[in-house]
Protein backbone atom coordinates (compact mmCIF):
# COMPACT_ATOMS: atom_id res chain seq x y z
CA MET A 1 -39.61 -16.40 -10.05
CA ALA A 2 -39.65 -12.81 -8.81
CA ASP A 3 -38.36 -13.98 -5.43
CA ASN A 4 -35.52 -15.85 -7.11
CA ASN A 5 -34.64 -12.76 -9.12
CA THR A 6 -34.60 -10.67 -5.95
CA HIS A 7 -32.25 -13.12 -4.24
CA LYS A 8 -29.99 -13.25 -7.28
CA TYR A 9 -29.89 -9.46 -7.45
CA LYS A 10 -29.03 -9.26 -3.75
CA LYS A 11 -26.17 -11.71 -4.28
CA ASP A 12 -24.89 -9.65 -7.20
CA VAL A 13 -24.98 -6.43 -5.16
CA LEU A 14 -23.18 -8.07 -2.23
CA ARG A 15 -20.63 -9.54 -4.62
CA LEU A 16 -20.01 -6.09 -6.13
CA ALA A 17 -19.73 -4.49 -2.69
CA THR A 18 -17.24 -7.15 -1.59
CA PHE A 19 -15.21 -6.64 -4.76
CA ILE A 20 -14.88 -2.88 -4.34
CA GLY A 21 -14.04 -3.39 -0.66
CA GLN A 22 -11.33 -5.85 -1.66
CA LEU A 23 -9.84 -3.37 -4.13
CA MET A 24 -9.90 -0.53 -1.60
CA LEU A 25 -8.20 -2.58 1.12
CA ARG A 26 -5.64 -3.93 -1.34
CA ASN A 27 -4.67 -0.38 -2.27
CA GLY A 28 -4.40 0.85 1.31
CA ALA A 29 -7.76 2.49 2.11
CA GLU A 30 -8.74 3.08 5.74
CA THR A 31 -11.10 0.52 7.26
CA TYR A 32 -13.84 3.04 8.07
CA ARG A 33 -13.79 4.30 4.47
CA VAL A 34 -14.23 0.76 3.11
CA ASP A 35 -17.04 0.05 5.56
CA ASP A 36 -18.87 3.25 4.58
CA THR A 37 -18.44 2.60 0.84
CA ILE A 38 -19.79 -0.96 1.05
CA LYS A 39 -22.84 0.07 3.05
CA ARG A 40 -23.62 3.00 0.73
CA ILE A 41 -23.42 0.75 -2.34
CA CYS A 42 -25.77 -1.82 -0.79
CA SER A 43 -28.12 0.85 0.56
CA SER A 44 -28.40 2.47 -2.89
CA ARG A 45 -29.97 -0.76 -4.16
CA GLY A 46 -32.32 -1.19 -1.21
CA PHE A 47 -30.27 -3.51 1.01
CA THR A 48 -29.73 -1.82 4.37
CA HIS A 49 -29.21 -4.77 6.75
CA ILE A 50 -25.54 -5.22 5.90
CA ASN A 51 -22.72 -6.24 8.22
CA VAL A 52 -19.07 -5.73 7.30
CA PHE A 53 -16.07 -7.30 9.03
CA MET A 54 -12.55 -6.35 8.04
CA ALA A 55 -9.00 -7.17 9.02
CA PRO A 56 -5.92 -5.95 7.12
CA ASN A 57 -5.99 -9.05 4.91
CA THR A 58 -9.64 -10.19 5.05
CA ILE A 59 -13.06 -8.75 4.26
CA ILE A 60 -16.44 -10.34 5.01
CA VAL A 61 -19.74 -8.85 3.83
CA SER A 62 -23.03 -10.38 4.94
CA ASP A 63 -26.76 -9.71 5.03
CA ASP A 64 -28.23 -10.26 8.50
CA ARG A 65 -31.71 -11.11 7.19
CA PHE A 66 -33.06 -14.65 7.19
CA ASP A 67 -31.35 -15.69 3.94
CA GLY A 68 -27.92 -15.01 5.46
CA TYR A 69 -25.86 -14.43 2.31
CA THR A 70 -22.17 -13.97 3.09
CA PHE A 71 -19.19 -13.17 0.88
CA MET A 72 -15.56 -13.27 1.95
CA LYS A 73 -12.34 -12.23 0.23
CA VAL A 74 -8.71 -12.64 1.27
CA ILE A 75 -6.61 -9.59 0.44
CA GLU A 76 -3.33 -10.45 -1.29
CA GLY A 77 -0.61 -8.16 -2.63
CA ARG A 78 -1.42 -5.14 -0.45
CA SER A 79 0.15 -1.78 -1.30
CA ILE A 80 -0.43 1.96 -0.98
CA ASN A 81 -2.00 3.47 -4.10
CA LEU A 82 -3.84 6.69 -3.28
CA ASN A 83 -4.69 7.28 -6.94
CA LYS A 84 -6.69 4.06 -7.16
CA ILE A 85 -8.42 4.81 -3.86
CA ASP A 86 -9.50 8.14 -5.32
CA LEU A 87 -10.77 6.42 -8.49
CA LEU A 88 -12.67 3.86 -6.41
CA ASN A 89 -14.25 6.64 -4.37
CA ASP A 90 -15.36 8.35 -7.58
CA PHE A 91 -16.80 5.07 -8.86
CA SER A 92 -18.77 4.44 -5.66
CA ARG A 93 -20.31 7.91 -5.80
CA LYS A 94 -21.27 7.37 -9.44
CA PHE A 95 -22.78 3.95 -8.72
CA VAL A 96 -24.82 5.31 -5.81
CA SER A 97 -26.14 8.25 -7.83
CA GLN A 98 -26.83 6.28 -11.04
CA THR A 99 -29.36 3.73 -9.86
CA ASP A 100 -29.84 2.41 -13.40
CA MET A 101 -26.24 1.17 -13.68
CA SER A 102 -26.22 -2.62 -14.01
CA ILE A 103 -24.11 -4.82 -11.75
CA GLU A 104 -22.36 -6.34 -14.78
CA ASP A 105 -21.33 -2.92 -16.08
CA ALA A 106 -20.17 -1.90 -12.61
CA ILE A 107 -17.99 -4.99 -12.17
CA GLU A 108 -16.52 -4.54 -15.65
CA GLU A 109 -15.66 -0.92 -14.84
CA LEU A 110 -14.01 -1.98 -11.58
CA GLU A 111 -11.95 -4.64 -13.37
CA ASN A 112 -10.76 -2.05 -15.91
CA LEU A 113 -9.98 0.37 -13.10
CA GLU A 114 -7.91 -2.25 -11.28
CA GLU A 115 -5.79 -2.81 -14.39
CA LYS A 116 -5.42 0.91 -15.04
CA SER A 117 -2.11 2.54 -14.16
CA PRO A 118 -1.42 6.19 -15.07
CA HIS A 119 2.36 5.74 -14.84
CA THR A 120 4.88 3.04 -15.66
CA GLN A 121 6.88 1.48 -12.86
CA ASN A 122 10.10 3.01 -14.21
CA ALA A 123 8.56 6.48 -14.13
CA ILE A 124 7.40 5.91 -10.56
CA ASN A 125 10.90 4.80 -9.55
CA ILE A 126 12.50 7.89 -11.11
CA TRP A 127 10.09 10.37 -9.51
CA THR A 128 10.43 8.57 -6.19
CA ALA A 129 14.20 8.84 -6.47
CA ILE A 130 13.99 12.57 -7.20
CA GLY A 131 11.93 13.01 -4.04
CA SER A 132 14.47 10.99 -2.05
CA SER A 133 17.36 13.03 -3.41
CA SER A 134 15.61 16.28 -2.57
CA PHE A 135 15.05 15.09 0.98
CA ALA A 136 18.72 14.13 1.29
CA VAL A 137 19.64 17.71 0.36
CA LEU A 138 17.10 19.13 2.83
CA VAL A 139 18.54 17.19 5.77
CA GLY A 140 22.11 18.25 5.14
CA GLY A 141 23.41 17.03 1.80
CA ASP A 142 24.93 20.27 0.58
CA ASN A 143 26.00 19.59 -2.99
CA ALA A 144 24.84 18.25 -6.34
CA LEU A 145 26.97 15.13 -5.92
CA THR A 146 24.93 14.00 -2.92
CA PHE A 147 21.74 14.63 -4.88
CA MET A 148 22.86 12.57 -7.88
CA LEU A 149 24.27 9.68 -5.84
CA THR A 150 21.12 9.51 -3.72
CA LEU A 151 19.01 9.52 -6.88
CA ILE A 152 20.97 6.61 -8.37
CA THR A 153 20.91 4.67 -5.09
CA SER A 154 17.18 5.21 -4.68
CA VAL A 155 16.45 3.98 -8.22
CA MET A 156 18.51 0.85 -7.52
CA ALA A 157 16.73 0.29 -4.21
CA MET A 158 13.22 0.72 -5.63
CA THR A 159 13.99 -1.51 -8.62
CA THR A 160 15.32 -4.16 -6.24
CA TYR A 161 12.24 -3.76 -4.05
CA ASN A 162 9.84 -4.32 -6.95
CA GLU A 163 11.75 -7.30 -8.33
CA VAL A 164 12.05 -9.03 -4.95
CA LYS A 165 8.31 -8.53 -4.33
CA LYS A 166 7.61 -10.48 -7.52
CA ILE A 167 9.47 -13.57 -6.30
CA SER A 168 8.91 -13.46 -2.53
CA ASN A 169 5.76 -14.29 -0.59
CA ILE A 170 7.07 -12.20 2.32
CA PRO A 171 6.62 -8.48 1.48
CA VAL A 172 8.87 -7.28 4.29
CA PHE A 173 11.75 -9.29 2.78
CA ALA A 174 11.80 -6.88 -0.18
CA THR A 175 12.18 -3.99 2.26
CA LEU A 176 15.04 -5.77 4.03
CA VAL A 177 16.94 -6.48 0.79
CA SER A 178 16.45 -2.92 -0.49
CA SER A 179 17.72 -1.51 2.81
CA ILE A 180 20.84 -3.66 2.59
CA ILE A 181 21.44 -2.34 -0.94
CA ILE A 182 21.09 1.24 0.30
CA GLY A 183 23.46 0.63 3.20
CA LEU A 184 26.08 -1.05 0.99
CA CYS A 185 25.93 1.81 -1.52
CA GLY A 186 26.41 4.34 1.26
CA VAL A 187 29.42 2.71 2.89
CA GLY A 188 30.86 1.74 -0.50
CA LEU A 189 30.88 5.36 -1.67
CA VAL A 190 32.58 6.36 1.58
CA GLU A 191 35.20 3.65 1.16
CA ILE A 192 36.18 4.86 -2.33
CA LYS A 193 36.35 8.45 -1.01
CA ILE A 194 33.48 9.83 -3.08
CA LEU A 195 31.47 10.73 0.04
CA ASP A 196 32.69 11.76 3.47
CA THR A 197 29.72 10.22 5.27
CA PRO A 198 26.94 7.86 4.18
CA LYS A 199 24.31 9.40 6.47
CA MET A 200 22.56 11.77 4.08
CA LEU A 201 22.51 9.28 1.22
CA ILE A 202 21.06 6.56 3.45
CA VAL A 203 18.48 8.85 5.06
CA GLY A 204 17.29 10.10 1.67
CA SER A 205 17.23 6.69 0.00
CA ILE A 206 15.20 4.94 2.69
CA MET A 207 12.42 7.55 2.57
CA PRO A 208 10.26 5.65 0.00
CA LEU A 209 10.49 2.53 2.17
CA LEU A 210 9.35 4.17 5.41
CA PRO A 211 5.83 3.12 6.52
CA GLY A 212 4.56 6.65 7.11
CA VAL A 213 1.21 6.23 5.35
CA PRO A 214 0.44 2.81 6.93
CA PHE A 215 1.26 4.23 10.37
CA ILE A 216 -1.06 7.23 9.91
CA LYS A 217 -3.82 4.93 8.63
CA ALA A 218 -3.31 2.73 11.71
CA ILE A 219 -3.82 5.77 13.95
CA ARG A 220 -6.96 6.78 12.04
CA ASP A 221 -8.39 3.27 12.32
CA LEU A 222 -7.70 3.21 16.07
CA VAL A 223 -9.31 6.62 16.54
CA SER A 224 -12.34 5.42 14.54
CA GLY A 225 -12.72 2.42 16.84
CA GLU A 226 -11.43 -0.17 14.36
CA LEU A 227 -9.14 -1.76 16.95
CA MET A 228 -8.27 -4.98 15.13
CA SER A 229 -7.40 -3.26 11.87
CA GLY A 230 -5.60 -0.40 13.63
CA VAL A 231 -3.42 -2.68 15.72
CA GLY A 232 -2.70 -4.89 12.71
CA ARG A 233 -1.63 -1.93 10.57
CA ALA A 234 0.51 -0.53 13.41
CA ILE A 235 2.31 -3.85 13.83
CA ASP A 236 2.80 -4.04 10.06
CA ALA A 237 4.32 -0.55 10.05
CA GLY A 238 6.57 -1.48 12.97
CA ILE A 239 7.83 -4.59 11.20
CA ILE A 240 8.63 -2.58 8.06
CA ALA A 241 10.53 0.03 10.09
CA THR A 242 12.44 -2.74 11.86
CA ALA A 243 13.35 -4.35 8.52
CA ILE A 244 14.76 -1.03 7.28
CA ALA A 245 16.87 -0.61 10.41
CA VAL A 246 18.09 -4.20 10.28
CA GLY A 247 18.95 -3.97 6.58
CA VAL A 248 21.02 -0.79 6.94
CA GLY A 249 22.57 -2.21 10.11
CA ILE A 250 23.64 -5.39 8.30
CA ALA A 251 25.37 -3.37 5.59
CA MET A 252 27.21 -1.20 8.12
CA ASN A 253 28.18 -4.22 10.21
CA ILE A 254 29.68 -5.91 7.14
CA TYR A 255 31.62 -2.74 6.35
CA VAL A 256 33.00 -2.43 9.88
CA ARG A 257 33.93 -6.12 10.08
CA PHE A 258 36.03 -5.74 6.94
CA GLY A 259 37.96 -2.87 8.48
CA GLY A 260 35.87 0.13 7.51
CA VAL A 261 35.49 3.14 9.78
CA LEU A 262 32.22 5.05 9.95
């Protein structure tokens, strides 16, 4: 009976470790950070013979002892949420230090944490748009009109991005559609003589779509020796950047074909 309880407890710990690893990868954590967190959680409960395999959309956690327990999760709906990564880091430290915390309580806390969001999506869109507008001014937009038009365009683009993500199984498609919206807004405002050039508005509005954080995480994974994850993240970042360029290019091509002059 005691042996059965030990095996059940080991399964529960591995299941918890896999769950927190899944949440961290889903929210954009670096591979080495996820690996370290999983091993610390298992080690805190006496299980040190743990192997972890990760790709950008898959995580496998196994015990290399004779019983050979293995858990695997497929990562769906990946995004970048540094706030949740910070909360997950805090949770892992608490779980490691509080050895009396039950697995059931830990999983319940993780489930509540996953559902927790400190800001509404509309608030995120507005603050993102303010950042985009500020950047448009920094790179050469020299008046309040550019700031306001970039803000409006960015809100439209981010709203479009979020709505398309809900209905499309291809995440990069949302980036492409949003980029087309940004490009059309830019050339449209030039056509009706509100702006002299669409450059600053487009540059500012595409900032939230740029894969800066994924690219940096790809570099960090490569430096840490996580070649598969690093290459995968780098390719992902490259595809996103290409989608942005193609989307804006489509909008400008449509404008030129209908007689517009850039």
